[in-house]
PDB file of all heavy atoms in Angstrom:
ATOM      1  N   THR A   1      31.980 246.233  40.267  1.00  0.00           N
ATOM      2  CA  THR A   1      31.823 245.855  41.680  1.00  0.00           C
ATOM      3  C   THR A   1      33.139 245.193  42.203  1.00  0.00           C
ATOM      4  O   THR A   1      33.548 245.420  43.327  1.00  0.00           O
ATOM      5  CB  THR A   1      30.686 244.791  41.873  1.00  0.00           C
ATOM      6  OG1 THR A   1      29.475 245.421  41.390  1.00  0.00           O
ATOM      7  CG2 THR A   1      30.512 244.488  43.330  1.00  0.00           C
ATOM      8  N   THR A   2      33.801 244.469  41.343  1.00  0.00           N
ATOM      9  CA  THR A   2      35.085 243.812  41.757  1.00  0.00           C
ATOM     10  C   THR A   2      36.062 244.834  42.310  1.00  0.00           C
ATOM     11  O   THR A   2      36.603 244.696  43.362  1.00  0.00           O
ATOM     12  CB  THR A   2      35.679 243.045  40.589  1.00  0.00           C
ATOM     13  OG1 THR A   2      34.724 242.075  40.122  1.00  0.00           O
ATOM     14  CG2 THR A   2      36.970 242.405  40.959  1.00  0.00           C
ATOM     15  N   LEU A   3      36.340 245.844  41.487  1.00  0.00           N
ATOM     16  CA  LEU A   3      37.354 246.839  41.907  1.00  0.00           C
ATOM     17  C   LEU A   3      36.852 247.688  43.018  1.00  0.00           C
ATOM     18  O   LEU A   3      37.610 248.164  43.887  1.00  0.00           O
ATOM     19  CB  LEU A   3      37.776 247.694  40.722  1.00  0.00           C
ATOM     20  CG  LEU A   3      38.489 246.973  39.567  1.00  0.00           C
ATOM     21  CD1 LEU A   3      38.974 247.950  38.566  1.00  0.00           C
ATOM     22  CD2 LEU A   3      39.720 246.217  40.190  1.00  0.00           C
ATOM     23  N   GLU A   4      35.529 247.938  43.034  1.00  0.00           N
ATOM     24  CA  GLU A   4      34.972 248.748  44.131  1.00  0.00           C
ATOM     25  C   GLU A   4      35.164 248.023  45.425  1.00  0.00           C
ATOM     26  O   GLU A   4      35.541 248.654  46.458  1.00  0.00           O
ATOM     27  CB  GLU A   4      33.473 249.008  43.879  1.00  0.00           C
ATOM     28  CG  GLU A   4      33.222 249.973  42.731  1.00  0.00           C
ATOM     29  CD  GLU A   4      31.767 250.121  42.424  1.00  0.00           C
ATOM     30  OE1 GLU A   4      30.976 249.407  43.039  1.00  0.00           O
ATOM     31  OE2 GLU A   4      31.429 250.927  41.572  1.00  0.00           O
ATOM     32  N   VAL A   5      34.984 246.732  45.484  1.00  0.00           N
ATOM     33  CA  VAL A   5      35.111 245.945  46.693  1.00  0.00           C
ATOM     34  C   VAL A   5      36.559 245.952  47.109  1.00  0.00           C
ATOM     35  O   VAL A   5      36.895 246.162  48.268  1.00  0.00           O
ATOM     36  CB  VAL A   5      34.570 244.526  46.547  1.00  0.00           C
ATOM     37  CG1 VAL A   5      34.919 243.673  47.702  1.00  0.00           C
ATOM     38  CG2 VAL A   5      33.055 244.584  46.368  1.00  0.00           C
ATOM     39  N   LEU A   6      37.466 245.661  46.173  1.00  0.00           N
ATOM     40  CA  LEU A   6      38.926 245.678  46.503  1.00  0.00           C
ATOM     41  C   LEU A   6      39.383 247.030  47.018  1.00  0.00           C
ATOM     42  O   LEU A   6      40.043 247.038  48.049  1.00  0.00           O
ATOM     43  CB  LEU A   6      39.706 245.282  45.244  1.00  0.00           C
ATOM     44  CG  LEU A   6      39.624 243.871  44.782  1.00  0.00           C
ATOM     45  CD1 LEU A   6      40.397 243.712  43.445  1.00  0.00           C
ATOM     46  CD2 LEU A   6      40.188 242.832  45.754  1.00  0.00           C
ATOM     47  N   SER A   7      38.924 248.072  46.426  1.00  0.00           N
ATOM     48  CA  SER A   7      39.367 249.369  46.870  1.00  0.00           C
ATOM     49  C   SER A   7      38.770 249.779  48.158  1.00  0.00           C
ATOM     50  O   SER A   7      39.351 250.402  49.011  1.00  0.00           O
ATOM     51  CB  SER A   7      38.971 250.431  45.790  1.00  0.00           C
ATOM     52  OG  SER A   7      39.725 250.235  44.636  1.00  0.00           O
ATOM     53  N   ASP A   8      37.505 249.316  48.407  1.00  0.00           N
ATOM     54  CA  ASP A   8      36.881 249.582  49.693  1.00  0.00           C
ATOM     55  C   ASP A   8      37.609 248.955  50.841  1.00  0.00           C
ATOM     56  O   ASP A   8      37.720 249.483  51.957  1.00  0.00           O
ATOM     57  CB  ASP A   8      35.380 249.059  49.717  1.00  0.00           C
ATOM     58  CG  ASP A   8      34.504 249.989  48.931  1.00  0.00           C
ATOM     59  OD1 ASP A   8      34.885 251.146  48.584  1.00  0.00           O
ATOM     60  OD2 ASP A   8      33.363 249.545  48.608  1.00  0.00           O
ATOM     61  N   LEU A   9      38.273 247.805  50.563  1.00  0.00           N
ATOM     62  CA  LEU A   9      38.973 247.107  51.619  1.00  0.00           C
ATOM     63  C   LEU A   9      40.252 247.861  51.984  1.00  0.00           C
ATOM     64  O   LEU A   9      40.902 247.598  53.031  1.00  0.00           O
ATOM     65  CB  LEU A   9      39.380 245.686  51.193  1.00  0.00           C
ATOM     66  CG  LEU A   9      38.188 244.690  51.153  1.00  0.00           C
ATOM     67  CD1 LEU A   9      38.622 243.411  50.553  1.00  0.00           C
ATOM     68  CD2 LEU A   9      37.705 244.452  52.547  1.00  0.00           C
ATOM     69  N   LEU A  10      40.685 248.838  51.154  1.00  0.00           N
ATOM     70  CA  LEU A  10      41.875 249.627  51.425  1.00  0.00           C
ATOM     71  C   LEU A  10      41.508 250.966  51.984  1.00  0.00           C
ATOM     72  O   LEU A  10      42.371 251.822  52.209  1.00  0.00           O
ATOM     73  CB  LEU A  10      42.689 249.816  50.191  1.00  0.00           C
ATOM     74  CG  LEU A  10      43.502 248.575  49.737  1.00  0.00           C
ATOM     75  CD1 LEU A  10      44.267 248.867  48.441  1.00  0.00           C
ATOM     76  CD2 LEU A  10      44.414 248.124  50.800  1.00  0.00           C
ATOM     77  N   LYS A  11      40.224 251.168  52.356  1.00  0.00           N
ATOM     78  CA  LYS A  11      39.851 252.433  53.035  1.00  0.00           C
ATOM     79  C   LYS A  11      40.333 252.338  54.457  1.00  0.00           C
ATOM     80  O   LYS A  11      40.333 251.276  55.119  1.00  0.00           O
ATOM     81  CB  LYS A  11      38.348 252.635  52.955  1.00  0.00           C
ATOM     82  CG  LYS A  11      37.849 253.013  51.572  1.00  0.00           C
ATOM     83  CD  LYS A  11      36.350 253.205  51.569  1.00  0.00           C
ATOM     84  CE  LYS A  11      35.811 253.620  50.210  1.00  0.00           C
ATOM     85  NZ  LYS A  11      34.379 253.835  50.171  1.00  0.00           N
ATOM     86  N   ILE A  12      40.796 253.476  54.979  1.00  0.00           N
ATOM     87  CA  ILE A  12      41.343 253.454  56.336  1.00  0.00           C
ATOM     88  C   ILE A  12      40.266 253.765  57.348  1.00  0.00           C
ATOM     89  O   ILE A  12      39.712 254.828  57.434  1.00  0.00           O
ATOM     90  CB  ILE A  12      42.408 254.510  56.429  1.00  0.00           C
ATOM     91  CG1 ILE A  12      43.543 254.306  55.385  1.00  0.00           C
ATOM     92  CG2 ILE A  12      43.001 254.555  57.826  1.00  0.00           C
ATOM     93  CD1 ILE A  12      44.522 255.350  55.317  1.00  0.00           C
ATOM     94  N   PRO A  13      39.834 252.751  58.139  1.00  0.00           N
ATOM     95  CA  PRO A  13      38.792 252.950  59.113  1.00  0.00           C
ATOM     96  C   PRO A  13      39.276 253.763  60.299  1.00  0.00           C
ATOM     97  O   PRO A  13      40.420 253.618  60.734  1.00  0.00           O
ATOM     98  CB  PRO A  13      38.421 251.501  59.568  1.00  0.00           C
ATOM     99  CG  PRO A  13      39.621 250.724  59.327  1.00  0.00           C
ATOM    100  CD  PRO A  13      40.331 251.347  58.099  1.00  0.00           C
ATOM    101  N   THR A  14      38.444 254.631  60.867  1.00  0.00           N
ATOM    102  CA  THR A  14      38.747 255.411  61.957  1.00  0.00           C
ATOM    103  C   THR A  14      39.157 254.534  63.210  1.00  0.00           C
ATOM    104  O   THR A  14      38.454 253.620  63.498  1.00  0.00           O
ATOM    105  CB  THR A  14      37.630 256.324  62.394  1.00  0.00           C
ATOM    106  OG1 THR A  14      37.257 257.105  61.247  1.00  0.00           O
ATOM    107  CG2 THR A  14      37.979 257.233  63.529  1.00  0.00           C
ATOM    108  N   GLY A  15      40.255 254.914  63.812  1.00  0.00           N
ATOM    109  CA  GLY A  15      40.645 254.225  65.020  1.00  0.00           C
ATOM    110  C   GLY A  15      41.487 252.989  64.800  1.00  0.00           C
ATOM    111  O   GLY A  15      42.033 252.434  65.787  1.00  0.00           O
ATOM    112  N   GLU A  16      41.750 252.565  63.560  1.00  0.00           N
ATOM    113  CA  GLU A  16      42.568 251.375  63.347  1.00  0.00           C
ATOM    114  C   GLU A  16      44.086 251.728  63.455  1.00  0.00           C
ATOM    115  O   GLU A  16      44.891 250.801  63.678  1.00  0.00           O
ATOM    116  CB  GLU A  16      42.308 250.836  61.923  1.00  0.00           C
ATOM    117  CG  GLU A  16      43.093 249.558  61.649  1.00  0.00           C
ATOM    118  CD  GLU A  16      42.501 248.725  60.537  1.00  0.00           C
ATOM    119  OE1 GLU A  16      41.326 248.917  60.206  1.00  0.00           O
ATOM    120  OE2 GLU A  16      43.263 247.872  59.954  1.00  0.00           O
ATOM    121  N   PHE A  17      44.433 252.960  63.328  1.00  0.00           N
ATOM    122  CA  PHE A  17      45.862 253.304  63.430  1.00  0.00           C
ATOM    123  C   PHE A  17      46.025 254.469  64.398  1.00  0.00           C
ATOM    124  O   PHE A  17      45.306 255.412  64.320  1.00  0.00           O
ATOM    125  CB  PHE A  17      46.316 253.696  62.053  1.00  0.00           C
ATOM    126  CG  PHE A  17      47.767 254.224  62.018  1.00  0.00           C
ATOM    127  CD1 PHE A  17      48.839 253.386  62.254  1.00  0.00           C
ATOM    128  CD2 PHE A  17      48.004 255.540  61.734  1.00  0.00           C
ATOM    129  CE1 PHE A  17      50.113 253.848  62.293  1.00  0.00           C
ATOM    130  CE2 PHE A  17      49.331 256.060  61.739  1.00  0.00           C
ATOM    131  CZ  PHE A  17      50.377 255.163  61.973  1.00  0.00           C
ATOM    132  N   ASP A  18      47.073 254.348  65.265  1.00  0.00           N
ATOM    133  CA  ASP A  18      47.191 255.412  66.296  1.00  0.00           C
ATOM    134  C   ASP A  18      48.614 256.060  66.247  1.00  0.00           C
ATOM    135  O   ASP A  18      49.022 256.647  67.229  1.00  0.00           O
ATOM    136  CB  ASP A  18      46.912 254.874  67.677  1.00  0.00           C
ATOM    137  CG  ASP A  18      47.815 253.717  68.102  1.00  0.00           C
ATOM    138  OD1 ASP A  18      48.794 253.525  67.356  1.00  0.00           O
ATOM    139  OD2 ASP A  18      47.556 253.113  69.130  1.00  0.00           O
ATOM    140  N   GLY A  19      49.305 255.951  65.088  1.00  0.00           N
ATOM    141  CA  GLY A  19      50.537 256.712  64.973  1.00  0.00           C
ATOM    142  C   GLY A  19      51.759 255.857  64.701  1.00  0.00           C
ATOM    143  O   GLY A  19      51.683 254.645  64.598  1.00  0.00           O
ATOM    144  N   SER A  20      52.923 256.499  64.672  1.00  0.00           N
ATOM    145  CA  SER A  20      54.123 255.868  64.191  1.00  0.00           C
ATOM    146  C   SER A  20      54.585 254.752  65.194  1.00  0.00           C
ATOM    147  O   SER A  20      55.213 253.773  64.798  1.00  0.00           O
ATOM    148  CB  SER A  20      55.244 256.898  64.018  1.00  0.00           C
ATOM    149  OG  SER A  20      55.540 257.554  65.273  1.00  0.00           O
ATOM    150  N   PHE A  21      54.286 254.892  66.462  1.00  0.00           N
ATOM    151  CA  PHE A  21      54.709 253.877  67.410  1.00  0.00           C
ATOM    152  C   PHE A  21      54.056 252.548  67.075  1.00  0.00           C
ATOM    153  O   PHE A  21      54.607 251.484  67.216  1.00  0.00           O
ATOM    154  CB  PHE A  21      54.356 254.281  68.846  1.00  0.00           C
ATOM    155  CG  PHE A  21      55.283 255.294  69.433  1.00  0.00           C
ATOM    156  CD1 PHE A  21      54.822 256.526  69.875  1.00  0.00           C
ATOM    157  CD2 PHE A  21      56.620 255.026  69.589  1.00  0.00           C
ATOM    158  CE1 PHE A  21      55.722 257.443  70.411  1.00  0.00           C
ATOM    159  CE2 PHE A  21      57.538 255.893  70.149  1.00  0.00           C
ATOM    160  CZ  PHE A  21      57.064 257.156  70.578  1.00  0.00           C
ATOM    161  N   THR A  22      52.838 252.565  66.654  1.00  0.00           N
ATOM    162  CA  THR A  22      52.113 251.373  66.303  1.00  0.00           C
ATOM    163  C   THR A  22      52.812 250.686  65.094  1.00  0.00           C
ATOM    164  O   THR A  22      53.005 249.514  65.048  1.00  0.00           O
ATOM    165  CB  THR A  22      50.617 251.639  65.969  1.00  0.00           C
ATOM    166  OG1 THR A  22      50.031 252.196  67.148  1.00  0.00           O
ATOM    167  CG2 THR A  22      49.920 250.400  65.578  1.00  0.00           C
ATOM    168  N   GLN A  23      53.119 251.507  64.100  1.00  0.00           N
ATOM    169  CA  GLN A  23      53.839 250.956  62.939  1.00  0.00           C
ATOM    170  C   GLN A  23      55.188 250.369  63.297  1.00  0.00           C
ATOM    171  O   GLN A  23      55.599 249.363  62.769  1.00  0.00           O
ATOM    172  CB  GLN A  23      53.979 252.032  61.806  1.00  0.00           C
ATOM    173  CG  GLN A  23      52.663 252.203  61.046  1.00  0.00           C
ATOM    174  CD  GLN A  23      52.880 253.242  59.951  1.00  0.00           C
ATOM    175  OE1 GLN A  23      53.514 254.305  60.170  1.00  0.00           O
ATOM    176  NE2 GLN A  23      52.440 252.952  58.723  1.00  0.00           N
ATOM    177  N   MET A  24      55.855 251.050  64.235  1.00  0.00           N
ATOM    178  CA  MET A  24      57.172 250.468  64.676  1.00  0.00           C
ATOM    179  C   MET A  24      56.972 249.128  65.295  1.00  0.00           C
ATOM    180  O   MET A  24      57.809 248.199  65.104  1.00  0.00           O
ATOM    181  CB  MET A  24      57.749 251.467  65.604  1.00  0.00           C
ATOM    182  CG  MET A  24      58.235 252.766  65.052  1.00  0.00           C
ATOM    183  SD  MET A  24      58.814 254.014  66.242  1.00  0.00           S
ATOM    184  CE  MET A  24      60.313 253.242  66.844  1.00  0.00           C
ATOM    185  N   ASP A  25      55.862 248.958  66.062  1.00  0.00           N
ATOM    186  CA  ASP A  25      55.615 247.655  66.670  1.00  0.00           C
ATOM    187  C   ASP A  25      55.349 246.590  65.628  1.00  0.00           C
ATOM    188  O   ASP A  25      55.790 245.463  65.718  1.00  0.00           O
ATOM    189  CB  ASP A  25      54.474 247.773  67.668  1.00  0.00           C
ATOM    190  CG  ASP A  25      54.804 248.419  68.983  1.00  0.00           C
ATOM    191  OD1 ASP A  25      56.099 248.485  69.284  1.00  0.00           O
ATOM    192  OD2 ASP A  25      53.960 248.964  69.690  1.00  0.00           O
ATOM    193  N   TRP A  26      54.522 246.992  64.559  1.00  0.00           N
ATOM    194  CA  TRP A  26      54.257 246.057  63.502  1.00  0.00           C
ATOM    195  C   TRP A  26      55.534 245.644  62.783  1.00  0.00           C
ATOM    196  O   TRP A  26      55.702 244.474  62.494  1.00  0.00           O
ATOM    197  CB  TRP A  26      53.282 246.639  62.537  1.00  0.00           C
ATOM    198  CG  TRP A  26      51.908 246.983  63.088  1.00  0.00           C
ATOM    199  CD1 TRP A  26      51.346 246.474  64.204  1.00  0.00           C
ATOM    200  CD2 TRP A  26      50.927 247.914  62.525  1.00  0.00           C
ATOM    201  NE1 TRP A  26      50.088 247.019  64.361  1.00  0.00           N
ATOM    202  CE2 TRP A  26      49.806 247.907  63.395  1.00  0.00           C
ATOM    203  CE3 TRP A  26      50.984 248.706  61.427  1.00  0.00           C
ATOM    204  CZ2 TRP A  26      48.724 248.689  63.109  1.00  0.00           C
ATOM    205  CZ3 TRP A  26      49.844 249.542  61.165  1.00  0.00           C
ATOM    206  CH2 TRP A  26      48.740 249.520  62.021  1.00  0.00           C
ATOM    207  N   ALA A  27      56.429 246.611  62.534  1.00  0.00           N
ATOM    208  CA  ALA A  27      57.645 246.304  61.850  1.00  0.00           C
ATOM    209  C   ALA A  27      58.526 245.408  62.705  1.00  0.00           C
ATOM    210  O   ALA A  27      59.119 244.427  62.180  1.00  0.00           O
ATOM    211  CB  ALA A  27      58.381 247.627  61.592  1.00  0.00           C
ATOM    212  N   ASP A  28      58.595 245.664  63.992  1.00  0.00           N
ATOM    213  CA  ASP A  28      59.346 244.763  64.872  1.00  0.00           C
ATOM    214  C   ASP A  28      58.803 243.330  64.928  1.00  0.00           C
ATOM    215  O   ASP A  28      59.490 242.368  64.963  1.00  0.00           O
ATOM    216  CB  ASP A  28      59.445 245.323  66.287  1.00  0.00           C
ATOM    217  CG  ASP A  28      60.577 246.341  66.435  1.00  0.00           C
ATOM    218  OD1 ASP A  28      61.650 246.092  65.923  1.00  0.00           O
ATOM    219  OD2 ASP A  28      60.381 247.380  67.147  1.00  0.00           O
ATOM    220  N   ASP A  29      57.441 243.219  64.909  1.00  0.00           N
ATOM    221  CA  ASP A  29      56.831 241.916  64.824  1.00  0.00           C
ATOM    222  C   ASP A  29      57.234 241.148  63.633  1.00  0.00           C
ATOM    223  O   ASP A  29      57.538 239.957  63.638  1.00  0.00           O
ATOM    224  CB  ASP A  29      55.266 242.070  64.912  1.00  0.00           C
ATOM    225  CG  ASP A  29      54.760 242.407  66.294  1.00  0.00           C
ATOM    226  OD1 ASP A  29      55.528 242.361  67.272  1.00  0.00           O
ATOM    227  OD2 ASP A  29      53.574 242.803  66.351  1.00  0.00           O
ATOM    228  N   GLU A  30      57.173 241.876  62.460  1.00  0.00           N
ATOM    229  CA  GLU A  30      57.564 241.169  61.197  1.00  0.00           C
ATOM    230  C   GLU A  30      58.968 240.855  61.146  1.00  0.00           C
ATOM    231  O   GLU A  30      59.391 239.847  60.566  1.00  0.00           O
ATOM    232  CB  GLU A  30      57.111 242.155  60.007  1.00  0.00           C
ATOM    233  CG  GLU A  30      55.620 242.274  59.844  1.00  0.00           C
ATOM    234  CD  GLU A  30      54.967 240.918  59.631  1.00  0.00           C
ATOM    235  OE1 GLU A  30      55.523 239.997  59.029  1.00  0.00           O
ATOM    236  OE2 GLU A  30      53.823 240.770  60.062  1.00  0.00           O
ATOM    237  N   ILE A  31      59.862 241.687  61.685  1.00  0.00           N
ATOM    238  CA  ILE A  31      61.312 241.338  61.763  1.00  0.00           C
ATOM    239  C   ILE A  31      61.502 240.112  62.596  1.00  0.00           C
ATOM    240  O   ILE A  31      62.235 239.210  62.238  1.00  0.00           O
ATOM    241  CB  ILE A  31      62.099 242.576  62.289  1.00  0.00           C
ATOM    242  CG1 ILE A  31      62.133 243.677  61.278  1.00  0.00           C
ATOM    243  CG2 ILE A  31      63.498 242.152  62.697  1.00  0.00           C
ATOM    244  CD1 ILE A  31      62.746 244.985  61.781  1.00  0.00           C
ATOM    245  N   ALA A  32      60.851 240.063  63.754  1.00  0.00           N
ATOM    246  CA  ALA A  32      60.995 238.902  64.658  1.00  0.00           C
ATOM    247  C   ALA A  32      60.516 237.606  63.896  1.00  0.00           C
ATOM    248  O   ALA A  32      61.138 236.529  63.966  1.00  0.00           O
ATOM    249  CB  ALA A  32      60.215 239.075  65.901  1.00  0.00           C
ATOM    250  N   ALA A  33      59.377 237.704  63.166  1.00  0.00           N
ATOM    251  CA  ALA A  33      58.866 236.545  62.429  1.00  0.00           C
ATOM    252  C   ALA A  33      59.834 236.175  61.345  1.00  0.00           C
ATOM    253  O   ALA A  33      60.079 234.952  61.115  1.00  0.00           O
ATOM    254  CB  ALA A  33      57.496 236.880  61.853  1.00  0.00           C
ATOM    255  N   ALA A  34      60.420 237.137  60.644  1.00  0.00           N
ATOM    256  CA  ALA A  34      61.424 236.783  59.618  1.00  0.00           C
ATOM    257  C   ALA A  34      62.639 236.142  60.182  1.00  0.00           C
ATOM    258  O   ALA A  34      63.246 235.236  59.525  1.00  0.00           O
ATOM    259  CB  ALA A  34      61.753 238.107  58.804  1.00  0.00           C
ATOM    260  N   MET A  35      63.050 236.603  61.324  1.00  0.00           N
ATOM    261  CA  MET A  35      64.241 236.049  61.975  1.00  0.00           C
ATOM    262  C   MET A  35      63.991 234.507  62.300  1.00  0.00           C
ATOM    263  O   MET A  35      64.843 233.703  62.258  1.00  0.00           O
ATOM    264  CB  MET A  35      64.601 236.834  63.208  1.00  0.00           C
ATOM    265  CG  MET A  35      65.152 238.222  62.903  1.00  0.00           C
ATOM    266  SD  MET A  35      65.306 239.292  64.340  1.00  0.00           S
ATOM    267  CE  MET A  35      66.582 238.477  65.297  1.00  0.00           C
ATOM    268  N   HIS A  36      62.746 234.281  62.660  1.00  0.00           N
ATOM    269  CA  HIS A  36      62.354 232.856  62.913  1.00  0.00           C
ATOM    270  C   HIS A  36      62.302 232.029  61.685  1.00  0.00           C
ATOM    271  O   HIS A  36      62.719 230.857  61.692  1.00  0.00           O
ATOM    272  CB  HIS A  36      60.972 232.866  63.678  1.00  0.00           C
ATOM    273  CG  HIS A  36      60.542 231.465  63.989  1.00  0.00           C
ATOM    274  ND1 HIS A  36      61.044 230.757  65.015  1.00  0.00           N
ATOM    275  CD2 HIS A  36      59.537 230.686  63.433  1.00  0.00           C
ATOM    276  CE1 HIS A  36      60.453 229.584  65.128  1.00  0.00           C
ATOM    277  NE2 HIS A  36      59.527 229.517  64.195  1.00  0.00           N
ATOM    278  N   ARG A  37      61.860 232.691  60.556  1.00  0.00           N
ATOM    279  CA  ARG A  37      61.764 231.965  59.286  1.00  0.00           C
ATOM    280  C   ARG A  37      63.132 231.677  58.729  1.00  0.00           C
ATOM    281  O   ARG A  37      63.402 230.632  58.082  1.00  0.00           O
ATOM    282  CB  ARG A  37      60.952 232.723  58.252  1.00  0.00           C
ATOM    283  CG  ARG A  37      59.482 232.844  58.557  1.00  0.00           C
ATOM    284  CD  ARG A  37      58.632 233.252  57.295  1.00  0.00           C
ATOM    285  NE  ARG A  37      59.107 234.541  56.725  1.00  0.00           N
ATOM    286  CZ  ARG A  37      58.681 235.754  57.174  1.00  0.00           C
ATOM    287  NH1 ARG A  37      57.850 235.816  58.152  1.00  0.00           N
ATOM    288  NH2 ARG A  37      59.082 236.860  56.560  1.00  0.00           N
ATOM    289  N   TYR A  38      64.054 232.592  58.934  1.00  0.00           N
ATOM    290  CA  TYR A  38      65.396 232.543  58.322  1.00  0.00           C
ATOM    291  C   TYR A  38      66.463 232.738  59.393  1.00  0.00           C
ATOM    292  O   TYR A  38      67.136 233.770  59.468  1.00  0.00           O
ATOM    293  CB  TYR A  38      65.548 233.642  57.227  1.00  0.00           C
ATOM    294  CG  TYR A  38      64.475 233.683  56.203  1.00  0.00           C
ATOM    295  CD1 TYR A  38      63.496 234.709  56.248  1.00  0.00           C
ATOM    296  CD2 TYR A  38      64.367 232.733  55.195  1.00  0.00           C
ATOM    297  CE1 TYR A  38      62.535 234.787  55.307  1.00  0.00           C
ATOM    298  CE2 TYR A  38      63.353 232.791  54.227  1.00  0.00           C
ATOM    299  CZ  TYR A  38      62.428 233.820  54.343  1.00  0.00           C
ATOM    300  OH  TYR A  38      61.465 233.929  53.404  1.00  0.00           O
ATOM    301  N   PRO A  39      66.593 231.764  60.283  1.00  0.00           N
ATOM    302  CA  PRO A  39      67.554 231.873  61.436  1.00  0.00           C
ATOM    303  C   PRO A  39      68.980 232.180  60.929  1.00  0.00           C
ATOM    304  O   PRO A  39      69.721 232.856  61.706  1.00  0.00           O
ATOM    305  CB  PRO A  39      67.493 230.550  62.161  1.00  0.00           C
ATOM    306  CG  PRO A  39      66.885 229.590  61.140  1.00  0.00           C
ATOM    307  CD  PRO A  39      65.949 230.402  60.248  1.00  0.00           C
ATOM    308  N   ASP A  40      69.366 231.753  59.780  1.00  0.00           N
ATOM    309  CA  ASP A  40      70.740 231.955  59.324  1.00  0.00           C
ATOM    310  C   ASP A  40      70.963 233.389  58.995  1.00  0.00           C
ATOM    311  O   ASP A  40      72.126 233.872  58.869  1.00  0.00           O
ATOM    312  CB  ASP A  40      71.147 231.077  58.105  1.00  0.00           C
ATOM    313  CG  ASP A  40      71.198 229.613  58.435  1.00  0.00           C
ATOM    314  OD1 ASP A  40      71.320 229.289  59.644  1.00  0.00           O
ATOM    315  OD2 ASP A  40      71.139 228.785  57.506  1.00  0.00           O
ATOM    316  N   GLN A  41      69.927 234.130  58.769  1.00  0.00           N
ATOM    317  CA  GLN A  41      70.036 235.553  58.403  1.00  0.00           C
ATOM    318  C   GLN A  41      69.452 236.477  59.490  1.00  0.00           C
ATOM    319  O   GLN A  41      69.180 237.637  59.271  1.00  0.00           O
ATOM    320  CB  GLN A  41      69.267 235.849  57.087  1.00  0.00           C
ATOM    321  CG  GLN A  41      69.646 234.974  55.947  1.00  0.00           C
ATOM    322  CD  GLN A  41      71.141 235.223  55.527  1.00  0.00           C
ATOM    323  OE1 GLN A  41      71.737 236.296  55.866  1.00  0.00           O
ATOM    324  NE2 GLN A  41      71.774 234.276  54.899  1.00  0.00           N
TER     325      GLN A  41
END
């Protein structure tokens, strides 16, 4: 059950992802957050 539950959490639900533009926005969000965490870099 342990691995079944973990793996189930990695199933891709319909409608959660709408293409490369969405991933680009996520990447930009994480870059902005990292720039805030590490202003010297």
